[in-house]
Each structure stands twice: as C-alpha cells, then as structure tokens.
Amino acid sequence: DAIHPGFGFLSENADFAEMVERHGITFIGPTAEQMRLMGDK
C-alpha cells in the first residue's frame, strides 16, 4: 500500500510519484508537484 524510493534512482522522479499515486499506492515522499517545483534548480 506504499512505496519508499530511498535515494537515487526514482526518488526524485515526479512522473514516478504521480504514477504510484494514480495506482492507489502511497508514495513515501513529497508530492509530484512539490518535486517538480523544487527539482528544477
């Protein structure tokens, strides 16, 4: 019922976080929107 991405790999991939939530699973981290906001320097 939840996915923890750790660090590296998909941990800061907003598209992945969005896909996870779309499938009814909780992404353990910030929202995809927050990732996009702070992910672009």
PDB file of all heavy atoms in Angstrom:
ATOM      1  N   ASP A   1       0.806  -1.223   0.000  1.00  0.00           N
ATOM      2  CA  ASP A   1       0.000   0.000   0.000  1.00  0.00           C
ATOM      3  C   ASP A   1       0.837   1.270   0.000  1.00  0.00           C
ATOM      4  O   ASP A   1       0.301   2.378   0.011  1.00  0.00           O
ATOM      5  CB  ASP A   1      -1.020   0.027   1.145  1.00  0.00           C
ATOM      6  CG  ASP A   1      -0.457  -0.422   2.472  1.00  0.00           C
ATOM      7  OD1 ASP A   1       0.770  -0.609   2.567  1.00  0.00           O
ATOM      8  OD2 ASP A   1      -1.250  -0.590   3.409  1.00  0.00           O
ATOM      9  N   ALA A   2       2.174   1.124  -0.019  1.00  0.00           N
ATOM     10  CA  ALA A   2       3.046   2.291  -0.118  1.00  0.00           C
ATOM     11  C   ALA A   2       4.376   1.885  -0.740  1.00  0.00           C
ATOM     12  O   ALA A   2       4.774   0.714  -0.672  1.00  0.00           O
ATOM     13  CB  ALA A   2       3.284   2.912   1.257  1.00  0.00           C
ATOM     14  N   ILE A   3       5.056   2.857  -1.344  1.00  0.00           N
ATOM     15  CA  ILE A   3       6.378   2.634  -1.941  1.00  0.00           C
ATOM     16  C   ILE A   3       7.343   3.658  -1.378  1.00  0.00           C
ATOM     17  O   ILE A   3       7.064   4.861  -1.407  1.00  0.00           O
ATOM     18  CB  ILE A   3       6.339   2.751  -3.479  1.00  0.00           C
ATOM     19  CG1 ILE A   3       5.540   1.593  -4.084  1.00  0.00           C
ATOM     20  CG2 ILE A   3       7.756   2.778  -4.067  1.00  0.00           C
ATOM     21  CD1 ILE A   3       5.390   1.664  -5.600  1.00  0.00           C
ATOM     22  N   HIS A   4       8.480   3.184  -0.855  1.00  0.00           N
ATOM     23  CA  HIS A   4       9.552   4.091  -0.411  1.00  0.00           C
ATOM     24  C   HIS A   4      10.658   4.031  -1.459  1.00  0.00           C
ATOM     25  O   HIS A   4      11.205   2.959  -1.726  1.00  0.00           O
ATOM     26  CB  HIS A   4      10.099   3.681   0.951  1.00  0.00           C
ATOM     27  CG  HIS A   4      10.907   4.763   1.617  1.00  0.00           C
ATOM     28  ND1 HIS A   4      11.971   5.405   0.985  1.00  0.00           N
ATOM     29  CD2 HIS A   4      10.803   5.344   2.843  1.00  0.00           C
ATOM     30  CE1 HIS A   4      12.471   6.319   1.803  1.00  0.00           C
ATOM     31  NE2 HIS A   4      11.787   6.309   2.927  1.00  0.00           N
ATOM     32  N   PRO A   5      11.041   5.185  -2.057  1.00  0.00           N
ATOM     33  CA  PRO A   5      12.026   5.171  -3.139  1.00  0.00           C
ATOM     34  C   PRO A   5      13.483   5.271  -2.693  1.00  0.00           C
ATOM     35  O   PRO A   5      14.387   5.186  -3.525  1.00  0.00           O
ATOM     36  CB  PRO A   5      11.656   6.415  -3.944  1.00  0.00           C
ATOM     37  CG  PRO A   5      11.200   7.379  -2.882  1.00  0.00           C
ATOM     38  CD  PRO A   5      10.502   6.542  -1.843  1.00  0.00           C
ATOM     39  N   GLY A   6      13.747   5.480  -1.375  1.00  0.00           N
ATOM     40  CA  GLY A   6      15.135   5.622  -0.922  1.00  0.00           C
ATOM     41  C   GLY A   6      15.773   6.886  -1.468  1.00  0.00           C
ATOM     42  O   GLY A   6      15.156   7.947  -1.473  1.00  0.00           O
ATOM     43  N   PHE A   7      17.030   6.772  -1.930  1.00  0.00           N
ATOM     44  CA  PHE A   7      17.676   7.907  -2.601  1.00  0.00           C
ATOM     45  C   PHE A   7      18.276   7.421  -3.913  1.00  0.00           C
ATOM     46  O   PHE A   7      18.535   6.234  -4.099  1.00  0.00           O
ATOM     47  CB  PHE A   7      18.731   8.582  -1.720  1.00  0.00           C
ATOM     48  CG  PHE A   7      19.683   7.666  -1.001  1.00  0.00           C
ATOM     49  CD1 PHE A   7      20.635   6.941  -1.694  1.00  0.00           C
ATOM     50  CD2 PHE A   7      19.641   7.537   0.376  1.00  0.00           C
ATOM     51  CE1 PHE A   7      21.523   6.103  -1.035  1.00  0.00           C
ATOM     52  CE2 PHE A   7      20.517   6.697   1.054  1.00  0.00           C
ATOM     53  CZ  PHE A   7      21.466   5.980   0.337  1.00  0.00           C
ATOM     54  N   GLY A   8      18.517   8.345  -4.851  1.00  0.00           N
ATOM     55  CA  GLY A   8      18.961   7.947  -6.182  1.00  0.00           C
ATOM     56  C   GLY A   8      17.817   7.302  -6.948  1.00  0.00           C
ATOM     57  O   GLY A   8      16.648   7.378  -6.545  1.00  0.00           O
ATOM     58  N   PHE A   9      18.134   6.689  -8.073  1.00  0.00           N
ATOM     59  CA  PHE A   9      17.144   6.020  -8.919  1.00  0.00           C
ATOM     60  C   PHE A   9      15.899   6.902  -9.129  1.00  0.00           C
ATOM     61  O   PHE A   9      16.006   7.984  -9.680  1.00  0.00           O
ATOM     62  CB  PHE A   9      16.785   4.641  -8.374  1.00  0.00           C
ATOM     63  CG  PHE A   9      17.923   3.654  -8.430  1.00  0.00           C
ATOM     64  CD1 PHE A   9      18.273   2.903  -7.317  1.00  0.00           C
ATOM     65  CD2 PHE A   9      18.679   3.490  -9.575  1.00  0.00           C
ATOM     66  CE1 PHE A   9      19.326   1.994  -7.357  1.00  0.00           C
ATOM     67  CE2 PHE A   9      19.739   2.590  -9.638  1.00  0.00           C
ATOM     68  CZ  PHE A   9      20.056   1.841  -8.515  1.00  0.00           C
ATOM     69  N   LEU A  10      14.712   6.465  -8.653  1.00  0.00           N
ATOM     70  CA  LEU A  10      13.469   7.188  -8.929  1.00  0.00           C
ATOM     71  C   LEU A  10      13.011   8.064  -7.767  1.00  0.00           C
ATOM     72  O   LEU A  10      11.881   8.542  -7.755  1.00  0.00           O
ATOM     73  CB  LEU A  10      12.362   6.179  -9.277  1.00  0.00           C
ATOM     74  CG  LEU A  10      12.580   5.369 -10.559  1.00  0.00           C
ATOM     75  CD1 LEU A  10      11.569   4.246 -10.665  1.00  0.00           C
ATOM     76  CD2 LEU A  10      12.507   6.273 -11.789  1.00  0.00           C
ATOM     77  N   SER A  11      13.899   8.310  -6.812  1.00  0.00           N
ATOM     78  CA  SER A  11      13.490   9.003  -5.588  1.00  0.00           C
ATOM     79  C   SER A  11      13.024  10.439  -5.824  1.00  0.00           C
ATOM     80  O   SER A  11      12.231  10.962  -5.041  1.00  0.00           O
ATOM     81  CB  SER A  11      14.634   8.999  -4.571  1.00  0.00           C
ATOM     82  OG  SER A  11      15.767   9.688  -5.076  1.00  0.00           O
ATOM     83  N   GLU A  12      13.520  11.105  -6.877  1.00  0.00           N
ATOM     84  CA  GLU A  12      13.097  12.471  -7.166  1.00  0.00           C
ATOM     85  C   GLU A  12      12.456  12.577  -8.542  1.00  0.00           C
ATOM     86  O   GLU A  12      12.478  13.623  -9.174  1.00  0.00           O
ATOM     87  CB  GLU A  12      14.288  13.423  -7.043  1.00  0.00           C
ATOM     88  CG  GLU A  12      14.777  13.569  -5.609  1.00  0.00           C
ATOM     89  CD  GLU A  12      15.927  14.549  -5.466  1.00  0.00           C
ATOM     90  OE1 GLU A  12      17.059  14.197  -5.824  1.00  0.00           O
ATOM     91  OE2 GLU A  12      15.691  15.664  -4.967  1.00  0.00           O
ATOM     92  N   ASN A  13      11.855  11.475  -8.976  1.00  0.00           N
ATOM     93  CA  ASN A  13      11.198  11.430 -10.276  1.00  0.00           C
ATOM     94  C   ASN A  13       9.717  11.711 -10.098  1.00  0.00           C
ATOM     95  O   ASN A  13       8.966  10.859  -9.616  1.00  0.00           O
ATOM     96  CB  ASN A  13      11.435  10.064 -10.932  1.00  0.00           C
ATOM     97  CG  ASN A  13      10.963  10.002 -12.358  1.00  0.00           C
ATOM     98  OD1 ASN A  13       9.794  10.214 -12.644  1.00  0.00           O
ATOM     99  ND2 ASN A  13      11.879   9.716 -13.271  1.00  0.00           N
ATOM    100  N   ALA A  14       9.301  12.910 -10.454  1.00  0.00           N
ATOM    101  CA  ALA A  14       7.912  13.330 -10.236  1.00  0.00           C
ATOM    102  C   ALA A  14       6.927  12.465 -11.017  1.00  0.00           C
ATOM    103  O   ALA A  14       5.830  12.170 -10.528  1.00  0.00           O
ATOM    104  CB  ALA A  14       7.749  14.798 -10.626  1.00  0.00           C
ATOM    105  N   ASP A  15       7.316  12.051 -12.222  1.00  0.00           N
ATOM    106  CA  ASP A  15       6.420  11.205 -13.026  1.00  0.00           C
ATOM    107  C   ASP A  15       6.161   9.876 -12.326  1.00  0.00           C
ATOM    108  O   ASP A  15       5.042   9.358 -12.330  1.00  0.00           O
ATOM    109  CB  ASP A  15       7.027  10.946 -14.410  1.00  0.00           C
ATOM    110  CG  ASP A  15       7.089  12.194 -15.269  1.00  0.00           C
ATOM    111  OD1 ASP A  15       6.365  13.156 -14.947  1.00  0.00           O
ATOM    112  OD2 ASP A  15       7.857  12.212 -16.241  1.00  0.00           O
ATOM    113  N   PHE A  16       7.204   9.321 -11.710  1.00  0.00           N
ATOM    114  CA  PHE A  16       7.046   8.062 -10.977  1.00  0.00           C
ATOM    115  C   PHE A  16       6.121   8.254  -9.770  1.00  0.00           C
ATOM    116  O   PHE A  16       5.203   7.458  -9.546  1.00  0.00           O
ATOM    117  CB  PHE A  16       8.410   7.541 -10.521  1.00  0.00           C
ATOM    118  CG  PHE A  16       8.341   6.275  -9.703  1.00  0.00           C
ATOM    119  CD1 PHE A  16       7.843   5.102 -10.254  1.00  0.00           C
ATOM    120  CD2 PHE A  16       8.764   6.263  -8.379  1.00  0.00           C
ATOM    121  CE1 PHE A  16       7.767   3.943  -9.505  1.00  0.00           C
ATOM    122  CE2 PHE A  16       8.714   5.107  -7.622  1.00  0.00           C
ATOM    123  CZ  PHE A  16       8.214   3.928  -8.188  1.00  0.00           C
ATOM    124  N   ALA A  17       6.332   9.318  -9.008  1.00  0.00           N
ATOM    125  CA  ALA A  17       5.482   9.591  -7.840  1.00  0.00           C
ATOM    126  C   ALA A  17       4.019   9.720  -8.259  1.00  0.00           C
ATOM    127  O   ALA A  17       3.108   9.226  -7.584  1.00  0.00           O
ATOM    128  CB  ALA A  17       5.952  10.868  -7.147  1.00  0.00           C
ATOM    129  N   GLU A  18       3.804  10.357  -9.393  1.00  0.00           N
ATOM    130  CA  GLU A  18       2.448  10.543  -9.924  1.00  0.00           C
ATOM    131  C   GLU A  18       1.834   9.204 -10.330  1.00  0.00           C
ATOM    132  O   GLU A  18       0.661   8.924 -10.036  1.00  0.00           O
ATOM    133  CB  GLU A  18       2.516  11.470 -11.141  1.00  0.00           C
ATOM    134  CG  GLU A  18       1.333  12.400 -11.274  1.00  0.00           C
ATOM    135  CD  GLU A  18       1.640  13.529 -12.251  1.00  0.00           C
ATOM    136  OE1 GLU A  18       2.116  13.237 -13.371  1.00  0.00           O
ATOM    137  OE2 GLU A  18       1.430  14.704 -11.876  1.00  0.00           O
ATOM    138  N   MET A  19       2.631   8.367 -10.999  1.00  0.00           N
ATOM    139  CA  MET A  19       2.164   7.035 -11.405  1.00  0.00           C
ATOM    140  C   MET A  19       1.788   6.187 -10.199  1.00  0.00           C
ATOM    141  O   MET A  19       0.770   5.482 -10.196  1.00  0.00           O
ATOM    142  CB  MET A  19       3.251   6.313 -12.212  1.00  0.00           C
ATOM    143  CG  MET A  19       3.429   6.806 -13.628  1.00  0.00           C
ATOM    144  SD  MET A  19       4.863   6.017 -14.441  1.00  0.00           S
ATOM    145  CE  MET A  19       4.261   4.323 -14.583  1.00  0.00           C
ATOM    146  N   VAL A  20       2.614   6.251  -9.159  1.00  0.00           N
ATOM    147  CA  VAL A  20       2.363   5.490  -7.934  1.00  0.00           C
ATOM    148  C   VAL A  20       1.012   5.877  -7.344  1.00  0.00           C
ATOM    149  O   VAL A  20       0.177   5.026  -7.040  1.00  0.00           O
ATOM    150  CB  VAL A  20       3.498   5.729  -6.903  1.00  0.00           C
ATOM    151  CG1 VAL A  20       3.125   5.159  -5.533  1.00  0.00           C
ATOM    152  CG2 VAL A  20       4.799   5.113  -7.385  1.00  0.00           C
ATOM    153  N   GLU A  21       0.789   7.187  -7.188  1.00  0.00           N
ATOM    154  CA  GLU A  21      -0.462   7.668  -6.597  1.00  0.00           C
ATOM    155  C   GLU A  21      -1.668   7.339  -7.472  1.00  0.00           C
ATOM    156  O   GLU A  21      -2.754   7.030  -6.958  1.00  0.00           O
ATOM    157  CB  GLU A  21      -0.375   9.188  -6.363  1.00  0.00           C
ATOM    158  CG  GLU A  21       0.688   9.619  -5.364  1.00  0.00           C
ATOM    159  CD  GLU A  21       0.338   9.279  -3.921  1.00  0.00           C
ATOM    160  OE1 GLU A  21      -0.835   8.976  -3.634  1.00  0.00           O
ATOM    161  OE2 GLU A  21       1.254   9.329  -3.069  1.00  0.00           O
ATOM    162  N   ARG A  22      -1.478   7.379  -8.801  1.00  0.00           N
ATOM    163  CA  ARG A  22      -2.577   7.062  -9.736  1.00  0.00           C
ATOM    164  C   ARG A  22      -3.054   5.620  -9.593  1.00  0.00           C
ATOM    165  O   ARG A  22      -4.206   5.313  -9.883  1.00  0.00           O
ATOM    166  CB  ARG A  22      -2.119   7.300 -11.179  1.00  0.00           C
ATOM    167  CG  ARG A  22      -2.661   8.576 -11.769  1.00  0.00           C
ATOM    168  CD  ARG A  22      -2.660   8.631 -13.288  1.00  0.00           C
ATOM    169  NE  ARG A  22      -1.577   7.954 -13.955  1.00  0.00           N
ATOM    170  CZ  ARG A  22      -0.472   8.540 -14.373  1.00  0.00           C
ATOM    171  NH1 ARG A  22      -0.276   9.832 -14.146  1.00  0.00           N
ATOM    172  NH2 ARG A  22       0.464   7.856 -15.003  1.00  0.00           N
ATOM    173  N   HIS A  23      -2.141   4.754  -9.149  1.00  0.00           N
ATOM    174  CA  HIS A  23      -2.497   3.341  -8.981  1.00  0.00           C
ATOM    175  C   HIS A  23      -2.995   3.040  -7.566  1.00  0.00           C
ATOM    176  O   HIS A  23      -3.088   1.876  -7.163  1.00  0.00           O
ATOM    177  CB  HIS A  23      -1.294   2.458  -9.322  1.00  0.00           C
ATOM    178  CG  HIS A  23      -1.061   2.325 -10.797  1.00  0.00           C
ATOM    179  ND1 HIS A  23      -0.379   3.262 -11.531  1.00  0.00           N
ATOM    180  CD2 HIS A  23      -1.452   1.355 -11.679  1.00  0.00           C
ATOM    181  CE1 HIS A  23      -0.337   2.875 -12.801  1.00  0.00           C
ATOM    182  NE2 HIS A  23      -0.970   1.734 -12.919  1.00  0.00           N
ATOM    183  N   GLY A  24      -3.297   4.080  -6.809  1.00  0.00           N
ATOM    184  CA  GLY A  24      -3.870   3.883  -5.481  1.00  0.00           C
ATOM    185  C   GLY A  24      -2.853   3.477  -4.428  1.00  0.00           C
ATOM    186  O   GLY A  24      -3.218   2.941  -3.382  1.00  0.00           O
ATOM    187  N   ILE A  25      -1.574   3.742  -4.705  1.00  0.00           N
ATOM    188  CA  ILE A  25      -0.493   3.409  -3.767  1.00  0.00           C
ATOM    189  C   ILE A  25       0.098   4.724  -3.261  1.00  0.00           C
ATOM    190  O   ILE A  25       0.215   5.691  -4.012  1.00  0.00           O
ATOM    191  CB  ILE A  25       0.599   2.573  -4.470  1.00  0.00           C
ATOM    192  CG1 ILE A  25      -0.019   1.317  -5.100  1.00  0.00           C
ATOM    193  CG2 ILE A  25       1.711   2.175  -3.505  1.00  0.00           C
ATOM    194  CD1 ILE A  25       0.877   0.638  -6.122  1.00  0.00           C
ATOM    195  N   THR A  26       0.486   4.762  -1.999  1.00  0.00           N
ATOM    196  CA  THR A  26       1.065   5.982  -1.435  1.00  0.00           C
ATOM    197  C   THR A  26       2.557   6.060  -1.727  1.00  0.00           C
ATOM    198  O   THR A  26       3.283   5.091  -1.511  1.00  0.00           O
ATOM    199  CB  THR A  26       0.846   6.034   0.096  1.00  0.00           C
ATOM    200  OG1 THR A  26      -0.559   5.999   0.371  1.00  0.00           O
ATOM    201  CG2 THR A  26       1.443   7.311   0.688  1.00  0.00           C
ATOM    202  N   PHE A  27       2.988   7.208  -2.207  1.00  0.00           N
ATOM    203  CA  PHE A  27       4.411   7.462  -2.428  1.00  0.00           C
ATOM    204  C   PHE A  27       4.972   8.095  -1.158  1.00  0.00           C
ATOM    205  O   PHE A  27       4.476   9.123  -0.698  1.00  0.00           O
ATOM    206  CB  PHE A  27       4.600   8.411  -3.619  1.00  0.00           C
ATOM    207  CG  PHE A  27       6.041   8.713  -3.939  1.00  0.00           C
ATOM    208  CD1 PHE A  27       6.794   7.832  -4.701  1.00  0.00           C
ATOM    209  CD2 PHE A  27       6.639   9.881  -3.469  1.00  0.00           C
ATOM    210  CE1 PHE A  27       8.127   8.114  -5.003  1.00  0.00           C
ATOM    211  CE2 PHE A  27       7.971  10.163  -3.767  1.00  0.00           C
ATOM    212  CZ  PHE A  27       8.715   9.275  -4.525  1.00  0.00           C
ATOM    213  N   ILE A  28       5.990   7.476  -0.565  1.00  0.00           N
ATOM    214  CA  ILE A  28       6.567   7.986   0.678  1.00  0.00           C
ATOM    215  C   ILE A  28       7.598   9.069   0.330  1.00  0.00           C
ATOM    216  O   ILE A  28       8.765   8.789   0.052  1.00  0.00           O
ATOM    217  CB  ILE A  28       7.181   6.854   1.526  1.00  0.00           C
ATOM    218  CG1 ILE A  28       6.091   5.843   1.884  1.00  0.00           C
ATOM    219  CG2 ILE A  28       7.833   7.416   2.799  1.00  0.00           C
ATOM    220  CD1 ILE A  28       6.579   4.613   2.610  1.00  0.00           C
ATOM    221  N   GLY A  29       7.118  10.287   0.328  1.00  0.00           N
ATOM    222  CA  GLY A  29       7.924  11.436  -0.081  1.00  0.00           C
ATOM    223  C   GLY A  29       6.999  12.605  -0.346  1.00  0.00           C
ATOM    224  O   GLY A  29       5.799  12.538  -0.066  1.00  0.00           O
ATOM    225  N   PRO A  30       7.517  13.694  -0.884  1.00  0.00           N
ATOM    226  CA  PRO A  30       6.669  14.840  -1.218  1.00  0.00           C
ATOM    227  C   PRO A  30       5.771  14.531  -2.409  1.00  0.00           C
ATOM    228  O   PRO A  30       5.894  13.468  -3.039  1.00  0.00           O
ATOM    229  CB  PRO A  30       7.688  15.927  -1.562  1.00  0.00           C
ATOM    230  CG  PRO A  30       8.874  15.177  -2.051  1.00  0.00           C
ATOM    231  CD  PRO A  30       8.923  13.907  -1.251  1.00  0.00           C
ATOM    232  N   THR A  31       4.887  15.459  -2.738  1.00  0.00           N
ATOM    233  CA  THR A  31       4.019  15.260  -3.893  1.00  0.00           C
ATOM    234  C   THR A  31       4.806  15.474  -5.178  1.00  0.00           C
ATOM    235  O   THR A  31       5.875  16.095  -5.180  1.00  0.00           O
ATOM    236  CB  THR A  31       2.847  16.261  -3.866  1.00  0.00           C
ATOM    237  OG1 THR A  31       3.378  17.588  -4.021  1.00  0.00           O
ATOM    238  CG2 THR A  31       2.058  16.169  -2.572  1.00  0.00           C
ATOM    239  N   ALA A  32       4.265  14.978  -6.281  1.00  0.00           N
ATOM    240  CA  ALA A  32       4.896  15.157  -7.588  1.00  0.00           C
ATOM    241  C   ALA A  32       5.028  16.645  -7.912  1.00  0.00           C
ATOM    242  O   ALA A  32       6.046  17.090  -8.455  1.00  0.00           O
ATOM    243  CB  ALA A  32       4.080  14.442  -8.663  1.00  0.00           C
ATOM    244  N   GLU A  33       4.021  17.415  -7.547  1.00  0.00           N
ATOM    245  CA  GLU A  33       4.039  18.863  -7.807  1.00  0.00           C
ATOM    246  C   GLU A  33       5.190  19.535  -7.041  1.00  0.00           C
ATOM    247  O   GLU A  33       5.909  20.383  -7.587  1.00  0.00           O
ATOM    248  CB  GLU A  33       2.702  19.475  -7.381  1.00  0.00           C
ATOM    249  CG  GLU A  33       2.578  20.957  -7.689  1.00  0.00           C
ATOM    250  CD  GLU A  33       1.277  21.564  -7.166  1.00  0.00           C
ATOM    251  OE1 GLU A  33       0.469  20.824  -6.566  1.00  0.00           O
ATOM    252  OE2 GLU A  33       1.102  22.784  -7.338  1.00  0.00           O
ATOM    253  N   GLN A  34       5.375  19.135  -5.779  1.00  0.00           N
ATOM    254  CA  GLN A  34       6.456  19.705  -4.977  1.00  0.00           C
ATOM    255  C   GLN A  34       7.822  19.311  -5.529  1.00  0.00           C
ATOM    256  O   GLN A  34       8.765  20.096  -5.518  1.00  0.00           O
ATOM    257  CB  GLN A  34       6.312  19.248  -3.522  1.00  0.00           C
ATOM    258  CG  GLN A  34       5.122  19.874  -2.814  1.00  0.00           C
ATOM    259  CD  GLN A  34       4.774  19.181  -1.508  1.00  0.00           C
ATOM    260  OE1 GLN A  34       5.283  18.101  -1.199  1.00  0.00           O
ATOM    261  NE2 GLN A  34       3.893  19.792  -0.730  1.00  0.00           N
ATOM    262  N   MET A  35       7.918  18.073  -6.010  1.00  0.00           N
ATOM    263  CA  MET A  35       9.170  17.614  -6.622  1.00  0.00           C
ATOM    264  C   MET A  35       9.514  18.437  -7.850  1.00  0.00           C
ATOM    265  O   MET A  35      10.674  18.800  -8.053  1.00  0.00           O
ATOM    266  CB  MET A  35       9.047  16.139  -7.034  1.00  0.00           C
ATOM    267  CG  MET A  35       9.472  15.169  -5.980  1.00  0.00           C
ATOM    268  SD  MET A  35       9.625  13.554  -6.729  1.00  0.00           S
ATOM    269  CE  MET A  35       8.947  12.592  -5.429  1.00  0.00           C
ATOM    270  N   ARG A  36       8.518  18.680  -8.678  1.00  0.00           N
ATOM    271  CA  ARG A  36       8.762  19.463  -9.899  1.00  0.00           C
ATOM    272  C   ARG A  36       9.154  20.891  -9.537  1.00  0.00           C
ATOM    273  O   ARG A  36      10.029  21.483 -10.170  1.00  0.00           O
ATOM    274  CB  ARG A  36       7.519  19.453 -10.788  1.00  0.00           C
ATOM    275  CG  ARG A  36       7.253  18.106 -11.443  1.00  0.00           C
ATOM    276  CD  ARG A  36       6.222  18.181 -12.542  1.00  0.00           C
ATOM    277  NE  ARG A  36       6.007  16.863 -13.129  1.00  0.00           N
ATOM    278  CZ  ARG A  36       4.975  16.073 -12.853  1.00  0.00           C
ATOM    279  NH1 ARG A  36       4.050  16.488 -11.992  1.00  0.00           N
ATOM    280  NH2 ARG A  36       4.871  14.893 -13.405  1.00  0.00           N
ATOM    281  N   LEU A  37       8.496  21.439  -8.535  1.00  0.00           N
ATOM    282  CA  LEU A  37       8.756  22.808  -8.114  1.00  0.00           C
ATOM    283  C   LEU A  37      10.202  22.976  -7.638  1.00  0.00           C
ATOM    284  O   LEU A  37      10.893  23.911  -8.038  1.00  0.00           O
ATOM    285  CB  LEU A  37       7.797  23.193  -6.985  1.00  0.00           C
ATOM    286  CG  LEU A  37       7.820  24.648  -6.521  1.00  0.00           C
ATOM    287  CD1 LEU A  37       7.264  25.571  -7.605  1.00  0.00           C
ATOM    288  CD2 LEU A  37       7.030  24.807  -5.229  1.00  0.00           C
ATOM    289  N   MET A  38      10.658  22.048  -6.792  1.00  0.00           N
ATOM    290  CA  MET A  38      11.987  22.180  -6.197  1.00  0.00           C
ATOM    291  C   MET A  38      13.057  21.385  -6.940  1.00  0.00           C
ATOM    292  O   MET A  38      14.249  21.547  -6.675  1.00  0.00           O
ATOM    293  CB  MET A  38      11.955  21.742  -4.726  1.00  0.00           C
ATOM    294  CG  MET A  38      10.970  22.522  -3.872  1.00  0.00           C
ATOM    295  SD  MET A  38      11.100  24.326  -4.004  1.00  0.00           S
ATOM    296  CE  MET A  38      12.641  24.624  -3.152  1.00  0.00           C
ATOM    297  N   GLY A  39      12.653  20.523  -7.862  1.00  0.00           N
ATOM    298  CA  GLY A  39      13.610  19.694  -8.596  1.00  0.00           C
ATOM    299  C   GLY A  39      14.345  20.448  -9.692  1.00  0.00           C
ATOM    300  O   GLY A  39      15.479  20.113 -10.036  1.00  0.00           O
ATOM    301  N   ASP A  40      13.706  21.460 -10.240  1.00  0.00           N
ATOM    302  CA  ASP A  40      14.361  22.308 -11.238  1.00  0.00           C
ATOM    303  C   ASP A  40      15.085  23.420 -10.485  1.00  0.00           C
ATOM    304  O   ASP A  40      14.464  24.207  -9.761  1.00  0.00           O
ATOM    305  CB  ASP A  40      13.326  22.903 -12.199  1.00  0.00           C
ATOM    306  CG  ASP A  40      13.968  23.794 -13.247  1.00  0.00           C
ATOM    307  OD1 ASP A  40      14.161  25.002 -12.945  1.00  0.00           O
ATOM    308  OD2 ASP A  40      14.280  23.306 -14.339  1.00  0.00           O
ATOM    309  N   LYS A  41      16.399  23.493 -10.644  1.00  0.00           N
ATOM    310  CA  LYS A  41      17.200  24.389  -9.811  1.00  0.00           C
ATOM    311  C   LYS A  41      16.860  25.873 -10.027  1.00  0.00           C
ATOM    312  O   LYS A  41      16.908  26.668  -9.094  1.00  0.00           O
ATOM    313  CB  LYS A  41      18.689  24.147 -10.046  1.00  0.00           C
ATOM    314  CG  LYS A  41      19.158  22.785  -9.541  1.00  0.00           C
ATOM    315  CD  LYS A  41      20.659  22.643  -9.654  1.00  0.00           C
ATOM    316  CE  LYS A  41      21.143  21.319  -9.130  1.00  0.00           C
ATOM    317  NZ  LYS A  41      20.757  20.187  -9.971  1.00  0.00           N
TER     318      LYS A  41
END
